[in-house]
Structure formats: structure tokens, C-alpha cells
Amino acid sequence: MSENNSGSMMGGFLVGAVVGAGLALIFAPMAGKETRRRIGDVAGRLKDGARGRMDQVLGAVKDGAGDVGAAIDAGRNEYRRHAEATAGAKETS
């Protein structure tokens, strides 16, 4: 499975988990104060999980950007090397 598809699948799973957890808390037979406390606890955990996932995504993007920059530099250097070699060959002809 590609990274893009697994990310979409993970996102869908997380949305389903949030909705399910929210409905379970709303319909659970508890006092309002206890329900609100539990909703706050779940929301805090979800926020922390989302923050962790976002940090992973940002790290992957930064790594990818570094790889692209290195590829551009390598291509630029190869182009210059080839241009110099071609110019040197023309001068000796």
C-alpha cells in the first residue's frame, strides 16, 4: 500500500474513532459533569495524537525536501561538468 493511501486510511480510521468515542460518551448513562470530564480527557488525548501525527508528517516533508534539494544540486553539478567537458572538447577540435 502506498504512503498516500495508508495516510488516507489512517485519517479515516481516526475520524471514525473520534465519532465513535464521542457518541459513546454522549449516550453513556453518566452524570453530565462526569461526561464532560471524559469528553475533555478524550479530546486532550486526540489532540496529542494529532500533534504527534502532524510532527511525523512535517518530518517526512522536511526529509523529502532535503532529498529534492540534494537531487537538484547533483543534477546542476552534472550539467556543469558535462558543459565544461563539451566546451573543452570543442576547444581541442
PDB file of N, CA and C in Angstrom:
ATOM      1  N   MET A   1       0.849  -1.165   0.000  1.00  0.00           N
ATOM      2  CA  MET A   1       0.000   0.000   0.000  1.00  0.00           C
ATOM      3  C   MET A   1       0.899   1.234   0.000  1.00  0.00           C
ATOM      4  N   SER A   2       0.545   2.231  -0.799  1.00  0.00           N
ATOM      5  CA  SER A   2       1.382   3.422  -0.878  1.00  0.00           C
ATOM      6  C   SER A   2       1.215   4.276   0.369  1.00  0.00           C
ATOM      7  N   GLU A   3       2.179   5.174   0.576  1.00  0.00           N
ATOM      8  CA  GLU A   3       2.161   6.060   1.746  1.00  0.00           C
ATOM      9  C   GLU A   3       0.918   6.941   1.726  1.00  0.00           C
ATOM     10  N   ASN A   4       0.521   7.411   0.544  1.00  0.00           N
ATOM     11  CA  ASN A   4      -0.632   8.291   0.426  1.00  0.00           C
ATOM     12  C   ASN A   4      -1.906   7.547   0.817  1.00  0.00           C
ATOM     13  N   ASN A   5      -2.073   6.321   0.324  1.00  0.00           N
ATOM     14  CA  ASN A   5      -3.268   5.547   0.662  1.00  0.00           C
ATOM     15  C   ASN A   5      -3.295   5.179   2.137  1.00  0.00           C
ATOM     16  N   SER A   6      -2.166   4.822   2.705  1.00  0.00           N
ATOM     17  CA  SER A   6      -2.151   4.465   4.118  1.00  0.00           C
ATOM     18  C   SER A   6      -2.433   5.694   4.972  1.00  0.00           C
ATOM     19  N   GLY A   7      -1.988   6.869   4.546  1.00  0.00           N
ATOM     20  CA  GLY A   7      -2.302   8.099   5.280  1.00  0.00           C
ATOM     21  C   GLY A   7      -3.785   8.409   5.238  1.00  0.00           C
ATOM     22  N   SER A   8      -4.421   8.200   4.075  1.00  0.00           N
ATOM     23  CA  SER A   8      -5.859   8.423   3.955  1.00  0.00           C
ATOM     24  C   SER A   8      -6.620   7.415   4.807  1.00  0.00           C
ATOM     25  N   MET A   9      -6.146   6.179   4.792  1.00  0.00           N
ATOM     26  CA  MET A   9      -6.811   5.147   5.580  1.00  0.00           C
ATOM     27  C   MET A   9      -6.692   5.471   7.068  1.00  0.00           C
ATOM     28  N   MET A  10      -5.505   5.908   7.490  1.00  0.00           N
ATOM     29  CA  MET A  10      -5.295   6.261   8.897  1.00  0.00           C
ATOM     30  C   MET A  10      -6.183   7.444   9.267  1.00  0.00           C
ATOM     31  N   GLY A  11      -6.295   8.422   8.378  1.00  0.00           N
ATOM     32  CA  GLY A  11      -7.160   9.578   8.647  1.00  0.00           C
ATOM     33  C   GLY A  11      -8.607   9.153   8.809  1.00  0.00           C
ATOM     34  N   GLY A  12      -9.077   8.270   7.924  1.00  0.00           N
ATOM     35  CA  GLY A  12     -10.443   7.775   8.029  1.00  0.00           C
ATOM     36  C   GLY A  12     -10.671   7.003   9.312  1.00  0.00           C
ATOM     37  N   PHE A  13      -9.688   6.202   9.675  1.00  0.00           N
ATOM     38  CA  PHE A  13      -9.785   5.450  10.923  1.00  0.00           C
ATOM     39  C   PHE A  13      -9.889   6.393  12.116  1.00  0.00           C
ATOM     40  N   LEU A  14      -9.050   7.437  12.125  1.00  0.00           N
ATOM     41  CA  LEU A  14      -9.068   8.378  13.245  1.00  0.00           C
ATOM     42  C   LEU A  14     -10.398   9.124  13.331  1.00  0.00           C
ATOM     43  N   VAL A  15     -10.933   9.526  12.182  1.00  0.00           N
ATOM     44  CA  VAL A  15     -12.230  10.219  12.182  1.00  0.00           C
ATOM     45  C   VAL A  15     -13.306   9.287  12.732  1.00  0.00           C
ATOM     46  N   GLY A  16     -13.302   8.029  12.287  1.00  0.00           N
ATOM     47  CA  GLY A  16     -14.277   7.064  12.804  1.00  0.00           C
ATOM     48  C   GLY A  16     -14.134   6.839  14.294  1.00  0.00           C
ATOM     49  N   ALA A  17     -12.885   6.780  14.757  1.00  0.00           N
ATOM     50  CA  ALA A  17     -12.652   6.588  16.188  1.00  0.00           C
ATOM     51  C   ALA A  17     -13.163   7.781  16.986  1.00  0.00           C
ATOM     52  N   VAL A  18     -12.940   8.974  16.487  1.00  0.00           N
ATOM     53  CA  VAL A  18     -13.404  10.183  17.180  1.00  0.00           C
ATOM     54  C   VAL A  18     -14.925  10.197  17.255  1.00  0.00           C
ATOM     55  N   VAL A  19     -15.571   9.933  16.126  1.00  0.00           N
ATOM     56  CA  VAL A  19     -17.033   9.944  16.105  1.00  0.00           C
ATOM     57  C   VAL A  19     -17.588   8.870  17.037  1.00  0.00           C
ATOM     58  N   GLY A  20     -17.029   7.684  16.959  1.00  0.00           N
ATOM     59  CA  GLY A  20     -17.494   6.596  17.828  1.00  0.00           C
ATOM     60  C   GLY A  20     -17.296   6.908  19.301  1.00  0.00           C
ATOM     61  N   ALA A  21     -16.136   7.429  19.643  1.00  0.00           N
ATOM     62  CA  ALA A  21     -15.867   7.768  21.040  1.00  0.00           C
ATOM     63  C   ALA A  21     -16.807   8.870  21.521  1.00  0.00           C
ATOM     64  N   GLY A  22     -17.034   9.848  20.665  1.00  0.00           N
ATOM     65  CA  GLY A  22     -17.949  10.934  21.040  1.00  0.00           C
ATOM     66  C   GLY A  22     -19.357  10.439  21.271  1.00  0.00           C
ATOM     67  N   LEU A  23     -19.849   9.589  20.370  1.00  0.00           N
ATOM     68  CA  LEU A  23     -21.193   9.049  20.542  1.00  0.00           C
ATOM     69  C   LEU A  23     -21.285   8.170  21.790  1.00  0.00           C
ATOM     70  N   ALA A  24     -20.261   7.383  22.044  1.00  0.00           N
ATOM     71  CA  ALA A  24     -20.271   6.529  23.234  1.00  0.00           C
ATOM     72  C   ALA A  24     -20.339   7.378  24.502  1.00  0.00           C
ATOM     73  N   LEU A  25     -19.605   8.470  24.516  1.00  0.00           N
ATOM     74  CA  LEU A  25     -19.627   9.337  25.697  1.00  0.00           C
ATOM     75  C   LEU A  25     -20.968  10.049  25.861  1.00  0.00           C
ATOM     76  N   ILE A  26     -21.539  10.468  24.746  1.00  0.00           N
ATOM     77  CA  ILE A  26     -22.807  11.208  24.816  1.00  0.00           C
ATOM     78  C   ILE A  26     -23.944  10.306  25.301  1.00  0.00           C
ATOM     79  N   PHE A  27     -23.971   9.087  24.801  1.00  0.00           N
ATOM     80  CA  PHE A  27     -25.076   8.201  25.136  1.00  0.00           C
ATOM     81  C   PHE A  27     -24.821   7.322  26.366  1.00  0.00           C
ATOM     82  N   ALA A  28     -23.681   7.436  26.973  1.00  0.00           N
ATOM     83  CA  ALA A  28     -23.384   6.646  28.166  1.00  0.00           C
ATOM     84  C   ALA A  28     -24.211   7.160  29.347  1.00  0.00           C
ATOM     85  N   PRO A  29     -24.675   6.256  30.193  1.00  0.00           N
ATOM     86  CA  PRO A  29     -25.507   6.681  31.333  1.00  0.00           C
ATOM     87  C   PRO A  29     -24.643   7.196  32.488  1.00  0.00           C
ATOM     88  N   MET A  30     -24.186   8.435  32.390  1.00  0.00           N
ATOM     89  CA  MET A  30     -23.384   9.058  33.444  1.00  0.00           C
ATOM     90  C   MET A  30     -23.941  10.441  33.733  1.00  0.00           C
ATOM     91  N   ALA A  31     -23.483  11.009  34.827  1.00  0.00           N
ATOM     92  CA  ALA A  31     -23.850  12.378  35.159  1.00  0.00           C
ATOM     93  C   ALA A  31     -23.193  13.326  34.158  1.00  0.00           C
ATOM     94  N   GLY A  32     -23.793  14.469  33.940  1.00  0.00           N
ATOM     95  CA  GLY A  32     -23.288  15.443  32.977  1.00  0.00           C
ATOM     96  C   GLY A  32     -21.860  15.884  33.270  1.00  0.00           C
ATOM     97  N   LYS A  33     -21.568  16.105  34.559  1.00  0.00           N
ATOM     98  CA  LYS A  33     -20.223  16.551  34.930  1.00  0.00           C
ATOM     99  C   LYS A  33     -19.183  15.490  34.568  1.00  0.00           C
ATOM    100  N   GLU A  34     -19.465  14.239  34.858  1.00  0.00           N
ATOM    101  CA  GLU A  34     -18.550  13.135  34.538  1.00  0.00           C
ATOM    102  C   GLU A  34     -18.399  12.988  33.024  1.00  0.00           C
ATOM    103  N   THR A  35     -19.505  13.130  32.290  1.00  0.00           N
ATOM    104  CA  THR A  35     -19.436  13.029  30.826  1.00  0.00           C
ATOM    105  C   THR A  35     -18.562  14.137  30.256  1.00  0.00           C
ATOM    106  N   ARG A  36     -18.737  15.352  30.736  1.00  0.00           N
ATOM    107  CA  ARG A  36     -17.923  16.470  30.240  1.00  0.00           C
ATOM    108  C   ARG A  36     -16.448  16.257  30.556  1.00  0.00           C
ATOM    109  N   ARG A  37     -16.156  15.722  31.745  1.00  0.00           N
ATOM    110  CA  ARG A  37     -14.766  15.450  32.098  1.00  0.00           C
ATOM    111  C   ARG A  37     -14.174  14.410  31.160  1.00  0.00           C
ATOM    112  N   ARG A  38     -14.916  13.361  30.886  1.00  0.00           N
ATOM    113  CA  ARG A  38     -14.421  12.305  29.992  1.00  0.00           C
ATOM    114  C   ARG A  38     -14.246  12.824  28.568  1.00  0.00           C
ATOM    115  N   ILE A  39     -15.176  13.669  28.111  1.00  0.00           N
ATOM    116  CA  ILE A  39     -15.032  14.258  26.777  1.00  0.00           C
ATOM    117  C   ILE A  39     -13.761  15.094  26.723  1.00  0.00           C
ATOM    118  N   GLY A  40     -13.493  15.858  27.783  1.00  0.00           N
ATOM    119  CA  GLY A  40     -12.270  16.657  27.843  1.00  0.00           C
ATOM    120  C   GLY A  40     -11.020  15.789  27.812  1.00  0.00           C
ATOM    121  N   ASP A  41     -11.053  14.670  28.543  1.00  0.00           N
ATOM    122  CA  ASP A  41      -9.913  13.747  28.550  1.00  0.00           C
ATOM    123  C   ASP A  41      -9.664  13.161  27.161  1.00  0.00           C
ATOM    124  N   VAL A  42     -10.741  12.719  26.513  1.00  0.00           N
ATOM    125  CA  VAL A  42     -10.615  12.134  25.171  1.00  0.00           C
ATOM    126  C   VAL A  42     -10.122  13.189  24.184  1.00  0.00           C
ATOM    127  N   ALA A  43     -10.668  14.393  24.284  1.00  0.00           N
ATOM    128  CA  ALA A  43     -10.246  15.464  23.380  1.00  0.00           C
ATOM    129  C   ALA A  43      -8.757  15.771  23.570  1.00  0.00           C
ATOM    130  N   GLY A  44      -8.300  15.765  24.804  1.00  0.00           N
ATOM    131  CA  GLY A  44      -6.873  16.008  25.062  1.00  0.00           C
ATOM    132  C   GLY A  44      -5.993  14.928  24.454  1.00  0.00           C
ATOM    133  N   ARG A  45      -6.416  13.669  24.595  1.00  0.00           N
ATOM    134  CA  ARG A  45      -5.639  12.567  24.010  1.00  0.00           C
ATOM    135  C   ARG A  45      -5.641  12.648  22.486  1.00  0.00           C
ATOM    136  N   LEU A  46      -6.789  12.985  21.920  1.00  0.00           N
ATOM    137  CA  LEU A  46      -6.866  13.112  20.464  1.00  0.00           C
ATOM    138  C   LEU A  46      -5.980  14.254  19.960  1.00  0.00           C
ATOM    139  N   LYS A  47      -5.980  15.349  20.696  1.00  0.00           N
ATOM    140  CA  LYS A  47      -5.136  16.479  20.318  1.00  0.00           C
ATOM    141  C   LYS A  47      -3.669  16.084  20.340  1.00  0.00           C
ATOM    142  N   ASP A  48      -3.268  15.370  21.389  1.00  0.00           N
ATOM    143  CA  ASP A  48      -1.877  14.921  21.486  1.00  0.00           C
ATOM    144  C   ASP A  48      -1.535  13.960  20.355  1.00  0.00           C
ATOM    145  N   GLY A  49      -2.458  13.055  20.037  1.00  0.00           N
ATOM    146  CA  GLY A  49      -2.237  12.115  18.935  1.00  0.00           C
ATOM    147  C   GLY A  49      -2.135  12.828  17.607  1.00  0.00           C
ATOM    148  N   ALA A  50      -3.001  13.815  17.385  1.00  0.00           N
ATOM    149  CA  ALA A  50      -2.963  14.576  16.135  1.00  0.00           C
ATOM    150  C   ALA A  50      -1.669  15.371  16.038  1.00  0.00           C
ATOM    151  N   ARG A  51      -1.231  15.923  17.158  1.00  0.00           N
ATOM    152  CA  ARG A  51       0.019  16.677  17.160  1.00  0.00           C
ATOM    153  C   ARG A  51       1.195  15.760  16.815  1.00  0.00           C
ATOM    154  N   GLY A  52       1.196  14.550  17.388  1.00  0.00           N
ATOM    155  CA  GLY A  52       2.261  13.587  17.085  1.00  0.00           C
ATOM    156  C   GLY A  52       2.259  13.193  15.623  1.00  0.00           C
ATOM    157  N   ARG A  53       1.074  12.957  15.066  1.00  0.00           N
ATOM    158  CA  ARG A  53       0.972  12.589  13.645  1.00  0.00           C
ATOM    159  C   ARG A  53       1.442  13.751  12.769  1.00  0.00           C
ATOM    160  N   MET A  54       1.072  14.972  13.135  1.00  0.00           N
ATOM    161  CA  MET A  54       1.487  16.151  12.366  1.00  0.00           C
ATOM    162  C   MET A  54       3.000  16.306  12.412  1.00  0.00           C
ATOM    163  N   ASP A  55       3.605  16.048  13.554  1.00  0.00           N
ATOM    164  CA  ASP A  55       5.065  16.109  13.661  1.00  0.00           C
ATOM    165  C   ASP A  55       5.711  15.078  12.739  1.00  0.00           C
ATOM    166  N   GLN A  56       5.114  13.879  12.656  1.00  0.00           N
ATOM    167  CA  GLN A  56       5.635  12.854  11.748  1.00  0.00           C
ATOM    168  C   GLN A  56       5.540  13.305  10.297  1.00  0.00           C
ATOM    169  N   VAL A  57       4.396  13.880   9.937  1.00  0.00           N
ATOM    170  CA  VAL A  57       4.188  14.339   8.560  1.00  0.00           C
ATOM    171  C   VAL A  57       5.172  15.458   8.226  1.00  0.00           C
ATOM    172  N   LEU A  58       5.324  16.411   9.125  1.00  0.00           N
ATOM    173  CA  LEU A  58       6.253  17.510   8.879  1.00  0.00           C
ATOM    174  C   LEU A  58       7.691  17.013   8.758  1.00  0.00           C
ATOM    175  N   GLY A  59       8.056  16.036   9.588  1.00  0.00           N
ATOM    176  CA  GLY A  59       9.395  15.444   9.480  1.00  0.00           C
ATOM    177  C   GLY A  59       9.602  14.778   8.134  1.00  0.00           C
ATOM    178  N   ALA A  60       8.585  14.061   7.661  1.00  0.00           N
ATOM    179  CA  ALA A  60       8.684  13.403   6.358  1.00  0.00           C
ATOM    180  C   ALA A  60       8.796  14.426   5.238  1.00  0.00           C
ATOM    181  N   VAL A  61       8.048  15.516   5.346  1.00  0.00           N
ATOM    182  CA  VAL A  61       8.116  16.568   4.325  1.00  0.00           C
ATOM    183  C   VAL A  61       9.499  17.214   4.316  1.00  0.00           C
ATOM    184  N   LYS A  62      10.041  17.483   5.498  1.00  0.00           N
ATOM    185  CA  LYS A  62      11.375  18.082   5.576  1.00  0.00           C
ATOM    186  C   LYS A  62      12.432  17.147   5.000  1.00  0.00           C
ATOM    187  N   ASP A  63      12.310  15.847   5.305  1.00  0.00           N
ATOM    188  CA  ASP A  63      13.250  14.875   4.745  1.00  0.00           C
ATOM    189  C   ASP A  63      13.139  14.840   3.230  1.00  0.00           C
ATOM    190  N   GLY A  64      11.908  14.849   2.732  1.00  0.00           N
ATOM    191  CA  GLY A  64      11.692  14.835   1.283  1.00  0.00           C
ATOM    192  C   GLY A  64      12.246  16.086   0.624  1.00  0.00           C
ATOM    193  N   ALA A  65      12.079  17.229   1.272  1.00  0.00           N
ATOM    194  CA  ALA A  65      12.601  18.478   0.716  1.00  0.00           C
ATOM    195  C   ALA A  65      14.127  18.432   0.652  1.00  0.00           C
ATOM    196  N   GLY A  66      14.742  17.847   1.666  1.00  0.00           N
ATOM    197  CA  GLY A  66      16.204  17.716   1.645  1.00  0.00           C
ATOM    198  C   GLY A  66      16.657  16.808   0.519  1.00  0.00           C
ATOM    199  N   ASP A  67      15.920  15.730   0.285  1.00  0.00           N
ATOM    200  CA  ASP A  67      16.258  14.811  -0.806  1.00  0.00           C
ATOM    201  C   ASP A  67      16.113  15.500  -2.159  1.00  0.00           C
ATOM    202  N   VAL A  68      15.063  16.288  -2.324  1.00  0.00           N
ATOM    203  CA  VAL A  68      14.852  17.015  -3.580  1.00  0.00           C
ATOM    204  C   VAL A  68      15.974  18.021  -3.789  1.00  0.00           C
ATOM    205  N   GLY A  69      16.340  18.735  -2.738  1.00  0.00           N
ATOM    206  CA  GLY A  69      17.435  19.708  -2.854  1.00  0.00           C
ATOM    207  C   GLY A  69      18.739  19.041  -3.240  1.00  0.00           C
ATOM    208  N   ALA A  70      19.024  17.889  -2.656  1.00  0.00           N
ATOM    209  CA  ALA A  70      20.247  17.155  -2.996  1.00  0.00           C
ATOM    210  C   ALA A  70      20.207  16.686  -4.440  1.00  0.00           C
ATOM    211  N   ALA A  71      19.050  16.236  -4.917  1.00  0.00           N
ATOM    212  CA  ALA A  71      18.923  15.789  -6.309  1.00  0.00           C
ATOM    213  C   ALA A  71      19.115  16.962  -7.268  1.00  0.00           C
ATOM    214  N   ILE A  72      18.584  18.117  -6.912  1.00  0.00           N
ATOM    215  CA  ILE A  72      18.755  19.302  -7.762  1.00  0.00           C
ATOM    216  C   ILE A  72      20.229  19.690  -7.821  1.00  0.00           C
ATOM    217  N   ASP A  73      20.889  19.698  -6.684  1.00  0.00           N
ATOM    218  CA  ASP A  73      22.317  20.026  -6.658  1.00  0.00           C
ATOM    219  C   ASP A  73      23.132  19.036  -7.484  1.00  0.00           C
ATOM    220  N   ALA A  74      22.826  17.753  -7.368  1.00  0.00           N
ATOM    221  CA  ALA A  74      23.550  16.738  -8.143  1.00  0.00           C
ATOM    222  C   ALA A  74      23.320  16.942  -9.635  1.00  0.00           C
ATOM    223  N   GLY A  75      22.090  17.237 -10.027  1.00  0.00           N
ATOM    224  CA  GLY A  75      21.794  17.493 -11.433  1.00  0.00           C
ATOM    225  C   GLY A  75      22.505  18.729 -11.950  1.00  0.00           C
ATOM    226  N   ARG A  76      22.518  19.773 -11.150  1.00  0.00           N
ATOM    227  CA  ARG A  76      23.198  21.013 -11.539  1.00  0.00           C
ATOM    228  C   ARG A  76      24.702  20.761 -11.716  1.00  0.00           C
ATOM    229  N   ASN A  77      25.296  20.035 -10.785  1.00  0.00           N
ATOM    230  CA  ASN A  77      26.728  19.741 -10.876  1.00  0.00           C
ATOM    231  C   ASN A  77      27.049  18.884 -12.094  1.00  0.00           C
ATOM    232  N   GLU A  78      26.203  17.909 -12.375  1.00  0.00           N
ATOM    233  CA  GLU A  78      26.420  17.051 -13.542  1.00  0.00           C
ATOM    234  C   GLU A  78      26.282  17.859 -14.831  1.00  0.00           C
ATOM    235  N   TYR A  79      25.293  18.756 -14.882  1.00  0.00           N
ATOM    236  CA  TYR A  79      25.133  19.611 -16.057  1.00  0.00           C
ATOM    237  C   TYR A  79      26.379  20.468 -16.278  1.00  0.00           C
ATOM    238  N   ARG A  80      26.879  21.069 -15.210  1.00  0.00           N
ATOM    239  CA  ARG A  80      28.078  21.912 -15.334  1.00  0.00           C
ATOM    240  C   ARG A  80      29.292  21.091 -15.782  1.00  0.00           C
ATOM    241  N   ARG A  81      29.442  19.900 -15.209  1.00  0.00           N
ATOM    242  CA  ARG A  81      30.549  19.026 -15.589  1.00  0.00           C
ATOM    243  C   ARG A  81      30.456  18.665 -17.068  1.00  0.00           C
ATOM    244  N   HIS A  82      29.268  18.334 -17.512  1.00  0.00           N
ATOM    245  CA  HIS A  82      29.072  17.978 -18.914  1.00  0.00           C
ATOM    246  C   HIS A  82      29.319  19.186 -19.818  1.00  0.00           C
ATOM    247  N   ALA A  83      28.844  20.364 -19.404  1.00  0.00           N
ATOM    248  CA  ALA A  83      29.042  21.573 -20.208  1.00  0.00           C
ATOM    249  C   ALA A  83      30.532  21.907 -20.320  1.00  0.00           C
ATOM    250  N   GLU A  84      31.264  21.762 -19.214  1.00  0.00           N
ATOM    251  CA  GLU A  84      32.707  22.033 -19.250  1.00  0.00           C
ATOM    252  C   GLU A  84      33.434  21.016 -20.125  1.00  0.00           C
ATOM    253  N   ALA A  85      33.041  19.757 -20.028  1.00  0.00           N
ATOM    254  CA  ALA A  85      33.675  18.723 -20.842  1.00  0.00           C
ATOM    255  C   ALA A  85      33.391  18.959 -22.319  1.00  0.00           C
ATOM    256  N   THR A  86      32.172  19.365 -22.644  1.00  0.00           N
ATOM    257  CA  THR A  86      31.806  19.631 -24.034  1.00  0.00           C
ATOM    258  C   THR A  86      32.579  20.850 -24.545  1.00  0.00           C
ATOM    259  N   ALA A  87      32.681  21.901 -23.721  1.00  0.00           N
ATOM    260  CA  ALA A  87      33.408  23.096 -24.128  1.00  0.00           C
ATOM    261  C   ALA A  87      34.897  22.756 -24.326  1.00  0.00           C
ATOM    262  N   GLY A  88      35.469  21.934 -23.473  1.00  0.00           N
ATOM    263  CA  GLY A  88      36.874  21.523 -23.615  1.00  0.00           C
ATOM    264  C   GLY A  88      37.096  20.701 -24.867  1.00  0.00           C
ATOM    265  N   ALA A  89      36.152  19.865 -25.205  1.00  0.00           N
ATOM    266  CA  ALA A  89      36.272  19.036 -26.413  1.00  0.00           C
ATOM    267  C   ALA A  89      36.204  19.900 -27.655  1.00  0.00           C
ATOM    268  N   LYS A  90      35.399  20.942 -27.670  1.00  0.00           N
ATOM    269  CA  LYS A  90      35.276  21.840 -28.830  1.00  0.00           C
ATOM    270  C   LYS A  90      36.569  22.645 -29.022  1.00  0.00           C
ATOM    271  N   GLU A  91      37.202  23.020 -27.893  1.00  0.00           N
ATOM    272  CA  GLU A  91      38.431  23.805 -27.991  1.00  0.00           C
ATOM    273  C   GLU A  91      39.571  22.972 -28.570  1.00  0.00           C
ATOM    274  N   THR A  92      39.616  21.699 -28.302  1.00  0.00           N
ATOM    275  CA  THR A  92      40.700  20.847 -28.799  1.00  0.00           C
ATOM    276  C   THR A  92      40.471  20.410 -30.246  1.00  0.00           C
ATOM    277  N   SER A  93      39.259  20.603 -30.774  1.00  0.00           N
ATOM    278  CA  SER A  93      38.966  20.187 -32.149  1.00  0.00           C
ATOM    279  C   SER A  93      39.522  21.152 -33.160  1.00  0.00           C
TER     280      SER A  93
END
